[in-house]
Amino acid sequence: MEKEIIETAVKAAGRAGALLKDNLGRAGKIEYKGAVNIVTELDRKSEDLIIETILKAFPGHGILTEEREELKKPGPFRWIIDPLDGTTNYAHGFPFFCVSIAFEEAGVIRFGAVYDPMLDELFTAEAGKGAYLNDRLIHVSDVEDLSRSLLATGFPYDLRTSKENNLDHFADFTLRAQAIRRAGSAALDLCYLASGRFDGFWEMKLKPWDVAAASLIVKEAGGAISDFKGAEFSIHGNECLASNGLIHAEMLRVLSKKIDKKTAFAR
């Protein structure tokens, strides 16, 4: 991979992260895309900054991002961007959010960067070369039992109107896991899984920009990632199940409802 690809992704993430950190508590105008789905002025400013940085270096590359129409270009190269993952957190001044940037070649994610500016933590991965946190090699946890696992999840924006809202899975996992966290940034949740802070993660109705970079980081950290039936994961799919690999089968059983509720209550 070209060194310039990695340098551009890291530079763009760093510039956008600094902008977001400096303006935390001053999110500006908030627009509602749905009942609970919002976008702030800083989402757009961060996005503009990232796109400007990428196109200056690679004007012929396509860009898929959250807040504007896809920029399509001929050729196999595309960047997938979430300029602010954790917008609701950011709008409330809750300091758990990140910038996510992935580089894709011919439909395959080749590099991913997720930057948390509040902790100055940069998670990166290049296909086939491992995953890193601030240049330190990271790996998923070695917890083998779901009952001793710390899980993470999130809820879709249409949870008020759709029956597929994750509340049933949340209840089932609550009875099986040691604990569950719902922090509000899927990209960071997946990076925390990759670095061993979480043991498992599941969520539905995520978008490509939520998971493109972080899913590669999970894979390169030795984790497992699939849909809720164990089939191959796609950034364009409707389901994301990620784990340290050791509890993956057990999490699949919970998602399929094949659990012994008496045993769950006993634990």
C-alpha atoms as a PDB file:
ATOM      1  CA  MET A   1       0.000   0.000   0.000  1.00  0.00           C
ATOM      2  CA  GLU A   2       1.165   3.504  -0.729  1.00  0.00           C
ATOM      3  CA  LYS A   3       2.586   5.196   2.324  1.00  0.00           C
ATOM      4  CA  GLU A   4       0.741   8.351   1.266  1.00  0.00           C
ATOM      5  CA  ILE A   5      -2.633   6.608   1.726  1.00  0.00           C
ATOM      6  CA  ILE A   6      -1.909   5.908   5.384  1.00  0.00           C
ATOM      7  CA  GLU A   7      -0.396   9.339   5.988  1.00  0.00           C
ATOM      8  CA  THR A   8      -3.411  11.050   4.410  1.00  0.00           C
ATOM      9  CA  ALA A   9      -5.921   9.054   6.471  1.00  0.00           C
ATOM     10  CA  VAL A  10      -4.070   9.736   9.716  1.00  0.00           C
ATOM     11  CA  LYS A  11      -3.632  13.420   8.864  1.00  0.00           C
ATOM     12  CA  ALA A  12      -7.319  13.844   8.012  1.00  0.00           C
ATOM     13  CA  ALA A  13      -8.442  12.041  11.182  1.00  0.00           C
ATOM     14  CA  GLY A  14      -6.109  14.133  13.314  1.00  0.00           C
ATOM     15  CA  ARG A  15      -7.220  17.443  11.799  1.00  0.00           C
ATOM     16  CA  ALA A  16     -10.911  16.588  12.151  1.00  0.00           C
ATOM     17  CA  GLY A  17     -10.436  15.243  15.668  1.00  0.00           C
ATOM     18  CA  ALA A  18      -8.710  18.435  16.787  1.00  0.00           C
ATOM     19  CA  LEU A  19     -11.574  20.499  15.362  1.00  0.00           C
ATOM     20  CA  LEU A  20     -14.137  18.418  17.237  1.00  0.00           C
ATOM     21  CA  LYS A  21     -12.220  18.495  20.507  1.00  0.00           C
ATOM     22  CA  ASP A  22     -11.727  22.250  20.366  1.00  0.00           C
ATOM     23  CA  ASN A  23     -15.454  22.789  19.819  1.00  0.00           C
ATOM     24  CA  LEU A  24     -16.880  20.281  22.292  1.00  0.00           C
ATOM     25  CA  GLY A  25     -19.747  22.012  24.054  1.00  0.00           C
ATOM     26  CA  ARG A  26     -20.284  24.282  21.049  1.00  0.00           C
ATOM     27  CA  ALA A  27     -21.934  21.908  18.585  1.00  0.00           C
ATOM     28  CA  GLY A  28     -23.777  24.744  16.863  1.00  0.00           C
ATOM     29  CA  LYS A  29     -26.992  24.291  14.932  1.00  0.00           C
ATOM     30  CA  ILE A  30     -28.594  20.860  15.291  1.00  0.00           C
ATOM     31  CA  GLU A  31     -30.784  19.379  12.569  1.00  0.00           C
ATOM     32  CA  TYR A  32     -33.044  16.353  12.956  1.00  0.00           C
ATOM     33  CA  LYS A  33     -32.876  13.664  10.254  1.00  0.00           C
ATOM     34  CA  GLY A  34     -35.381  11.578  12.229  1.00  0.00           C
ATOM     35  CA  ALA A  35     -36.964  11.373  15.666  1.00  0.00           C
ATOM     36  CA  VAL A  36     -33.604  10.831  17.368  1.00  0.00           C
ATOM     37  CA  ASN A  37     -31.140  11.003  14.457  1.00  0.00           C
ATOM     38  CA  ILE A  38     -29.339  14.339  14.415  1.00  0.00           C
ATOM     39  CA  VAL A  39     -26.561  16.157  12.589  1.00  0.00           C
ATOM     40  CA  THR A  40     -24.633  19.141  13.933  1.00  0.00           C
ATOM     41  CA  GLU A  41     -22.670  21.950  12.316  1.00  0.00           C
ATOM     42  CA  LEU A  42     -19.510  20.243  13.518  1.00  0.00           C
ATOM     43  CA  ASP A  43     -20.424  17.012  11.691  1.00  0.00           C
ATOM     44  CA  ARG A  44     -20.403  19.007   8.468  1.00  0.00           C
ATOM     45  CA  LYS A  45     -17.286  21.012   9.277  1.00  0.00           C
ATOM     46  CA  SER A  46     -15.394  17.850  10.191  1.00  0.00           C
ATOM     47  CA  GLU A  47     -16.563  16.199   6.982  1.00  0.00           C
ATOM     48  CA  ASP A  48     -15.491  19.184   4.879  1.00  0.00           C
ATOM     49  CA  LEU A  49     -12.047  19.128   6.464  1.00  0.00           C
ATOM     50  CA  ILE A  50     -11.564  15.409   5.852  1.00  0.00           C
ATOM     51  CA  ILE A  51     -12.734  15.571   2.236  1.00  0.00           C
ATOM     52  CA  GLU A  52     -10.516  18.568   1.557  1.00  0.00           C
ATOM     53  CA  THR A  53      -7.490  16.713   2.945  1.00  0.00           C
ATOM     54  CA  ILE A  54      -8.192  13.555   0.932  1.00  0.00           C
ATOM     55  CA  LEU A  55      -8.984  15.220  -2.379  1.00  0.00           C
ATOM     56  CA  LYS A  56      -5.902  17.406  -2.166  1.00  0.00           C
ATOM     57  CA  ALA A  57      -3.794  14.254  -2.104  1.00  0.00           C
ATOM     58  CA  PHE A  58      -6.009  11.993  -4.240  1.00  0.00           C
ATOM     59  CA  PRO A  59      -8.350  14.030  -6.462  1.00  0.00           C
ATOM     60  CA  GLY A  60      -9.279  10.956  -8.506  1.00  0.00           C
ATOM     61  CA  HIS A  61     -10.611   8.903  -5.595  1.00  0.00           C
ATOM     62  CA  GLY A  62     -14.274   8.376  -4.743  1.00  0.00           C
ATOM     63  CA  ILE A  63     -15.709   9.275  -1.352  1.00  0.00           C
ATOM     64  CA  LEU A  64     -18.646   7.800   0.578  1.00  0.00           C
ATOM     65  CA  THR A  65     -19.521   9.806   3.652  1.00  0.00           C
ATOM     66  CA  GLU A  66     -22.445  10.225   6.016  1.00  0.00           C
ATOM     67  CA  GLU A  67     -23.630  13.752   5.441  1.00  0.00           C
ATOM     68  CA  ARG A  68     -23.535  14.245   1.675  1.00  0.00           C
ATOM     69  CA  GLU A  69     -24.171  12.442  -1.596  1.00  0.00           C
ATOM     70  CA  GLU A  70     -21.496   9.944  -2.594  1.00  0.00           C
ATOM     71  CA  LEU A  71     -18.699  11.350  -4.738  1.00  0.00           C
ATOM     72  CA  LYS A  72     -18.245   8.683  -7.410  1.00  0.00           C
ATOM     73  CA  LYS A  73     -15.067   8.509  -9.489  1.00  0.00           C
ATOM     74  CA  PRO A  74     -13.847   5.984 -12.057  1.00  0.00           C
ATOM     75  CA  GLY A  75     -11.398   3.440 -10.720  1.00  0.00           C
ATOM     76  CA  PRO A  76     -11.246   1.077  -7.753  1.00  0.00           C
ATOM     77  CA  PHE A  77     -10.392   3.533  -4.968  1.00  0.00           C
ATOM     78  CA  ARG A  78     -12.897   4.889  -2.459  1.00  0.00           C
ATOM     79  CA  TRP A  79     -12.732   6.455   0.978  1.00  0.00           C
ATOM     80  CA  ILE A  80     -15.499   5.743   3.506  1.00  0.00           C
ATOM     81  CA  ILE A  81     -15.854   8.423   6.159  1.00  0.00           C
ATOM     82  CA  ASP A  82     -17.750   9.059   9.362  1.00  0.00           C
ATOM     83  CA  PRO A  83     -16.726  12.606  10.326  1.00  0.00           C
ATOM     84  CA  LEU A  84     -18.292  12.309  13.782  1.00  0.00           C
ATOM     85  CA  ASP A  85     -19.378   8.934  15.105  1.00  0.00           C
ATOM     86  CA  GLY A  86     -21.261   9.645  18.306  1.00  0.00           C
ATOM     87  CA  THR A  87     -23.097  12.781  17.209  1.00  0.00           C
ATOM     88  CA  THR A  88     -25.722  12.589  19.965  1.00  0.00           C
ATOM     89  CA  ASN A  89     -22.965  12.306  22.564  1.00  0.00           C
ATOM     90  CA  TYR A  90     -21.173  15.268  21.014  1.00  0.00           C
ATOM     91  CA  ALA A  91     -24.298  17.417  20.905  1.00  0.00           C
ATOM     92  CA  HIS A  92     -24.743  16.874  24.642  1.00  0.00           C
ATOM     93  CA  GLY A  93     -21.093  17.457  25.513  1.00  0.00           C
ATOM     94  CA  PHE A  94     -20.570  13.787  26.402  1.00  0.00           C
ATOM     95  CA  PRO A  95     -16.929  13.109  25.451  1.00  0.00           C
ATOM     96  CA  PHE A  96     -17.256   9.726  23.744  1.00  0.00           C
ATOM     97  CA  PHE A  97     -17.015  10.155  19.980  1.00  0.00           C
ATOM     98  CA  CYS A  98     -14.543   9.639  17.171  1.00  0.00           C
ATOM     99  CA  VAL A  99     -13.585  10.172  13.546  1.00  0.00           C
ATOM    100  CA  SER A 100     -13.563   7.100  11.302  1.00  0.00           C
ATOM    101  CA  ILE A 101     -11.797   6.867   7.921  1.00  0.00           C
ATOM    102  CA  ALA A 102     -11.420   3.761   5.759  1.00  0.00           C
ATOM    103  CA  PHE A 103      -9.686   3.282   2.420  1.00  0.00           C
ATOM    104  CA  GLU A 104     -11.236   0.768   0.047  1.00  0.00           C
ATOM    105  CA  GLU A 105      -9.796  -0.767  -3.118  1.00  0.00           C
ATOM    106  CA  ALA A 106     -12.087  -2.696  -5.466  1.00  0.00           C
ATOM    107  CA  GLY A 107     -14.596  -3.263  -2.655  1.00  0.00           C
ATOM    108  CA  VAL A 108     -12.014  -4.446  -0.112  1.00  0.00           C
ATOM    109  CA  ILE A 109     -11.086  -2.363   2.941  1.00  0.00           C
ATOM    110  CA  ARG A 110      -7.327  -1.983   2.862  1.00  0.00           C
ATOM    111  CA  PHE A 111      -6.742   0.510   5.671  1.00  0.00           C
ATOM    112  CA  GLY A 112      -8.732   1.908   8.571  1.00  0.00           C
ATOM    113  CA  ALA A 113      -8.184   4.671  11.102  1.00  0.00           C
ATOM    114  CA  VAL A 114     -10.418   5.566  14.047  1.00  0.00           C
ATOM    115  CA  TYR A 115      -9.371   8.530  16.157  1.00  0.00           C
ATOM    116  CA  ASP A 116     -10.658   9.498  19.602  1.00  0.00           C
ATOM    117  CA  PRO A 117      -9.391  13.053  20.134  1.00  0.00           C
ATOM    118  CA  MET A 118     -10.444  13.256  23.776  1.00  0.00           C
ATOM    119  CA  LEU A 119      -8.064  10.469  24.793  1.00  0.00           C
ATOM    120  CA  ASP A 120      -5.710  11.037  21.847  1.00  0.00           C
ATOM    121  CA  GLU A 121      -6.125   7.380  20.864  1.00  0.00           C
ATOM    122  CA  LEU A 122      -5.571   6.452  17.233  1.00  0.00           C
ATOM    123  CA  PHE A 123      -6.633   2.932  16.248  1.00  0.00           C
ATOM    124  CA  THR A 124      -5.307   1.777  12.872  1.00  0.00           C
ATOM    125  CA  ALA A 125      -5.072  -1.368  10.784  1.00  0.00           C
ATOM    126  CA  GLU A 126      -3.704  -2.261   7.385  1.00  0.00           C
ATOM    127  CA  ALA A 127      -4.971  -5.467   5.792  1.00  0.00           C
ATOM    128  CA  GLY A 128      -2.659  -8.344   6.667  1.00  0.00           C
ATOM    129  CA  LYS A 129      -0.426  -6.288   8.957  1.00  0.00           C
ATOM    130  CA  GLY A 130      -2.140  -6.259  12.359  1.00  0.00           C
ATOM    131  CA  ALA A 131      -3.989  -3.630  14.369  1.00  0.00           C
ATOM    132  CA  TYR A 132      -2.488  -0.843  16.426  1.00  0.00           C
ATOM    133  CA  LEU A 133      -3.340   1.690  19.097  1.00  0.00           C
ATOM    134  CA  ASN A 134      -0.962   4.635  18.914  1.00  0.00           C
ATOM    135  CA  ASP A 135       1.632   2.408  17.199  1.00  0.00           C
ATOM    136  CA  ARG A 136       1.287  -0.349  19.819  1.00  0.00           C
ATOM    137  CA  LEU A 137       0.126  -3.739  18.546  1.00  0.00           C
ATOM    138  CA  ILE A 138      -3.262  -4.697  19.984  1.00  0.00           C
ATOM    139  CA  HIS A 139      -5.170  -7.979  20.265  1.00  0.00           C
ATOM    140  CA  VAL A 140      -8.625  -9.060  21.368  1.00  0.00           C
ATOM    141  CA  SER A 141      -9.219 -10.461  24.850  1.00  0.00           C
ATOM    142  CA  ASP A 142      -8.853 -14.086  25.928  1.00  0.00           C
ATOM    143  CA  VAL A 143     -12.147 -14.342  27.863  1.00  0.00           C
ATOM    144  CA  GLU A 144     -13.746 -17.686  27.000  1.00  0.00           C
ATOM    145  CA  ASP A 145     -17.081 -17.525  28.830  1.00  0.00           C
ATOM    146  CA  LEU A 146     -19.959 -15.213  27.905  1.00  0.00           C
ATOM    147  CA  SER A 147     -20.982 -15.011  31.553  1.00  0.00           C
ATOM    148  CA  ARG A 148     -17.641 -13.331  32.315  1.00  0.00           C
ATOM    149  CA  SER A 149     -17.723 -11.050  29.292  1.00  0.00           C
ATOM    150  CA  LEU A 150     -18.172  -7.307  29.014  1.00  0.00           C
ATOM    151  CA  LEU A 151     -20.272  -6.571  25.938  1.00  0.00           C
ATOM    152  CA  ALA A 152     -21.194  -3.445  24.018  1.00  0.00           C
ATOM    153  CA  THR A 153     -24.171  -2.616  21.842  1.00  0.00           C
ATOM    154  CA  GLY A 154     -26.275   0.200  20.454  1.00  0.00           C
ATOM    155  CA  PHE A 155     -29.831   0.821  19.300  1.00  0.00           C
ATOM    156  CA  PRO A 156     -31.042   1.819  15.831  1.00  0.00           C
ATOM    157  CA  TYR A 157     -32.475   5.250  15.153  1.00  0.00           C
ATOM    158  CA  ASP A 158     -35.881   3.752  14.335  1.00  0.00           C
ATOM    159  CA  LEU A 159     -36.268   1.953  17.662  1.00  0.00           C
ATOM    160  CA  ARG A 160     -39.489   3.894  18.384  1.00  0.00           C
ATOM    161  CA  THR A 161     -41.202   2.678  15.216  1.00  0.00           C
ATOM    162  CA  SER A 162     -39.617  -0.690  14.317  1.00  0.00           C
ATOM    163  CA  LYS A 163     -40.048  -4.015  16.091  1.00  0.00           C
ATOM    164  CA  GLU A 164     -36.463  -4.856  15.083  1.00  0.00           C
ATOM    165  CA  ASN A 165     -35.011  -2.513  17.678  1.00  0.00           C
ATOM    166  CA  ASN A 166     -32.503  -4.688  19.610  1.00  0.00           C
ATOM    167  CA  LEU A 167     -34.430  -4.489  22.879  1.00  0.00           C
ATOM    168  CA  ASP A 168     -35.074  -8.245  22.824  1.00  0.00           C
ATOM    169  CA  HIS A 169     -31.402  -9.073  22.249  1.00  0.00           C
ATOM    170  CA  PHE A 170     -30.389  -6.597  24.937  1.00  0.00           C
ATOM    171  CA  ALA A 171     -32.645  -8.348  27.444  1.00  0.00           C
ATOM    172  CA  ASP A 172     -31.314 -11.779  26.449  1.00  0.00           C
ATOM    173  CA  PHE A 173     -27.660 -10.742  26.725  1.00  0.00           C
ATOM    174  CA  THR A 174     -28.307  -8.992  30.026  1.00  0.00           C
ATOM    175  CA  LEU A 175     -29.156 -12.396  31.477  1.00  0.00           C
ATOM    176  CA  ARG A 176     -26.040 -14.047  30.035  1.00  0.00           C
ATOM    177  CA  ALA A 177     -23.152 -11.583  30.111  1.00  0.00           C
ATOM    178  CA  GLN A 178     -21.264 -10.101  33.026  1.00  0.00           C
ATOM    179  CA  ALA A 179     -22.289  -6.609  31.932  1.00  0.00           C
ATOM    180  CA  ILE A 180     -23.283  -4.543  28.883  1.00  0.00           C
ATOM    181  CA  ARG A 181     -22.276  -1.020  27.953  1.00  0.00           C
ATOM    182  CA  ARG A 182     -24.089   1.271  25.512  1.00  0.00           C
ATOM    183  CA  ALA A 183     -21.750   4.225  24.962  1.00  0.00           C
ATOM    184  CA  GLY A 184     -23.040   5.581  21.650  1.00  0.00           C
ATOM    185  CA  SER A 185     -20.242   5.131  19.100  1.00  0.00           C
ATOM    186  CA  ALA A 186     -20.145   1.853  17.176  1.00  0.00           C
ATOM    187  CA  ALA A 187     -16.721   2.593  15.694  1.00  0.00           C
ATOM    188  CA  LEU A 188     -15.185   3.120  19.126  1.00  0.00           C
ATOM    189  CA  ASP A 189     -17.030   0.111  20.562  1.00  0.00           C
ATOM    190  CA  LEU A 190     -15.444  -2.080  17.881  1.00  0.00           C
ATOM    191  CA  CYS A 191     -12.001  -0.596  18.512  1.00  0.00           C
ATOM    192  CA  TYR A 192     -12.419  -1.222  22.226  1.00  0.00           C
ATOM    193  CA  LEU A 193     -13.224  -4.815  21.348  1.00  0.00           C
ATOM    194  CA  ALA A 194     -10.099  -5.002  19.186  1.00  0.00           C
ATOM    195  CA  SER A 195      -7.961  -3.755  22.063  1.00  0.00           C
ATOM    196  CA  GLY A 196      -9.424  -6.168  24.627  1.00  0.00           C
ATOM    197  CA  ARG A 197     -11.539  -3.661  26.541  1.00  0.00           C
ATOM    198  CA  PHE A 198     -14.754  -5.330  25.372  1.00  0.00           C
ATOM    199  CA  ASP A 199     -15.177  -9.038  24.682  1.00  0.00           C
ATOM    200  CA  GLY A 200     -18.156  -8.844  22.334  1.00  0.00           C
ATOM    201  CA  PHE A 201     -20.310  -6.394  20.403  1.00  0.00           C
ATOM    202  CA  TRP A 202     -23.543  -6.611  18.458  1.00  0.00           C
ATOM    203  CA  GLU A 203     -25.693  -4.037  16.702  1.00  0.00           C
ATOM    204  CA  MET A 204     -28.120  -3.809  13.793  1.00  0.00           C
ATOM    205  CA  LYS A 205     -28.866  -1.266  11.056  1.00  0.00           C
ATOM    206  CA  LEU A 206     -25.404   0.256  11.025  1.00  0.00           C
ATOM    207  CA  LYS A 207     -24.121   2.061   7.945  1.00  0.00           C
ATOM    208  CA  PRO A 208     -20.875   1.453   5.993  1.00  0.00           C
ATOM    209  CA  TRP A 209     -19.235   4.544   7.496  1.00  0.00           C
ATOM    210  CA  ASP A 210     -19.963   3.260  11.014  1.00  0.00           C
ATOM    211  CA  VAL A 211     -18.065   0.009  10.542  1.00  0.00           C
ATOM    212  CA  ALA A 212     -15.746   0.166   7.512  1.00  0.00           C
ATOM    213  CA  ALA A 213     -12.583   1.140   9.364  1.00  0.00           C
ATOM    214  CA  ALA A 214     -13.349  -0.515  12.702  1.00  0.00           C
ATOM    215  CA  SER A 215     -14.315  -3.886  11.202  1.00  0.00           C
ATOM    216  CA  LEU A 216     -10.844  -4.175   9.653  1.00  0.00           C
ATOM    217  CA  ILE A 217      -9.276  -3.207  12.982  1.00  0.00           C
ATOM    218  CA  VAL A 218     -11.239  -6.008  14.694  1.00  0.00           C
ATOM    219  CA  LYS A 219     -10.147  -8.591  12.113  1.00  0.00           C
ATOM    220  CA  GLU A 220      -6.511  -7.540  12.262  1.00  0.00           C
ATOM    221  CA  ALA A 221      -6.606  -7.705  16.079  1.00  0.00           C
ATOM    222  CA  GLY A 222      -7.586 -11.370  15.874  1.00  0.00           C
ATOM    223  CA  GLY A 223     -11.306 -10.926  16.412  1.00  0.00           C
ATOM    224  CA  ALA A 224     -14.269 -12.550  14.688  1.00  0.00           C
ATOM    225  CA  ILE A 225     -16.984 -10.619  12.876  1.00  0.00           C
ATOM    226  CA  SER A 226     -20.134 -11.879  11.151  1.00  0.00           C
ATOM    227  CA  ASP A 227     -23.844 -11.274  10.815  1.00  0.00           C
ATOM    228  CA  PHE A 228     -26.267 -12.602  13.445  1.00  0.00           C
ATOM    229  CA  LYS A 229     -26.379 -16.038  11.791  1.00  0.00           C
ATOM    230  CA  GLY A 230     -22.610 -16.429  11.525  1.00  0.00           C
ATOM    231  CA  ALA A 231     -22.419 -15.617   7.810  1.00  0.00           C
ATOM    232  CA  GLU A 232     -19.712 -13.410   6.344  1.00  0.00           C
ATOM    233  CA  PHE A 233     -19.839  -9.809   7.519  1.00  0.00           C
ATOM    234  CA  SER A 234     -20.468  -7.018   5.040  1.00  0.00           C
ATOM    235  CA  ILE A 235     -20.198  -3.291   5.727  1.00  0.00           C
ATOM    236  CA  HIS A 236     -23.381  -2.990   3.651  1.00  0.00           C
ATOM    237  CA  GLY A 237     -25.256  -5.585   5.700  1.00  0.00           C
ATOM    238  CA  ASN A 238     -27.917  -5.120   8.347  1.00  0.00           C
ATOM    239  CA  GLU A 239     -26.237  -6.944  11.236  1.00  0.00           C
ATOM    240  CA  CYS A 240     -22.874  -6.792  12.976  1.00  0.00           C
ATOM    241  CA  LEU A 241     -21.695  -9.327  15.529  1.00  0.00           C
ATOM    242  CA  ALA A 242     -18.077  -9.005  16.625  1.00  0.00           C
ATOM    243  CA  SER A 243     -16.192 -10.780  19.367  1.00  0.00           C
ATOM    244  CA  ASN A 244     -12.840 -12.038  20.533  1.00  0.00           C
ATOM    245  CA  GLY A 245     -13.692 -15.240  18.658  1.00  0.00           C
ATOM    246  CA  LEU A 246     -13.836 -17.315  21.820  1.00  0.00           C
ATOM    247  CA  ILE A 247     -17.398 -16.321  22.729  1.00  0.00           C
ATOM    248  CA  HIS A 248     -18.671 -15.909  19.171  1.00  0.00           C
ATOM    249  CA  ALA A 249     -20.582 -19.187  19.003  1.00  0.00           C
ATOM    250  CA  GLU A 250     -22.200 -18.510  22.360  1.00  0.00           C
ATOM    251  CA  MET A 251     -23.266 -15.035  21.245  1.00  0.00           C
ATOM    252  CA  LEU A 252     -24.730 -16.518  18.061  1.00  0.00           C
ATOM    253  CA  ARG A 253     -26.826 -18.878  20.159  1.00  0.00           C
ATOM    254  CA  VAL A 254     -28.205 -15.986  22.186  1.00  0.00           C
ATOM    255  CA  LEU A 255     -29.046 -14.034  19.032  1.00  0.00           C
ATOM    256  CA  SER A 256     -30.816 -17.080  17.607  1.00  0.00           C
ATOM    257  CA  LYS A 257     -32.825 -17.385  20.863  1.00  0.00           C
ATOM    258  CA  LYS A 258     -31.340 -20.833  21.516  1.00  0.00           C
ATOM    259  CA  ILE A 259     -30.648 -20.153  25.169  1.00  0.00           C
ATOM    260  CA  ASP A 260     -31.638 -21.824  28.399  1.00  0.00           C
ATOM    261  CA  LYS A 261     -33.366 -19.042  30.330  1.00  0.00           C
ATOM    262  CA  LYS A 262     -33.410 -21.068  33.556  1.00  0.00           C
ATOM    263  CA  THR A 263     -29.614 -21.334  33.374  1.00  0.00           C
ATOM    264  CA  ALA A 264     -29.413 -17.642  32.563  1.00  0.00           C
ATOM    265  CA  PHE A 265     -31.364 -16.693  35.684  1.00  0.00           C
ATOM    266  CA  ALA A 266     -29.321 -19.092  37.786  1.00  0.00           C
ATOM    267  CA  ARG A 267     -26.158 -17.221  36.829  1.00  0.00           C
END
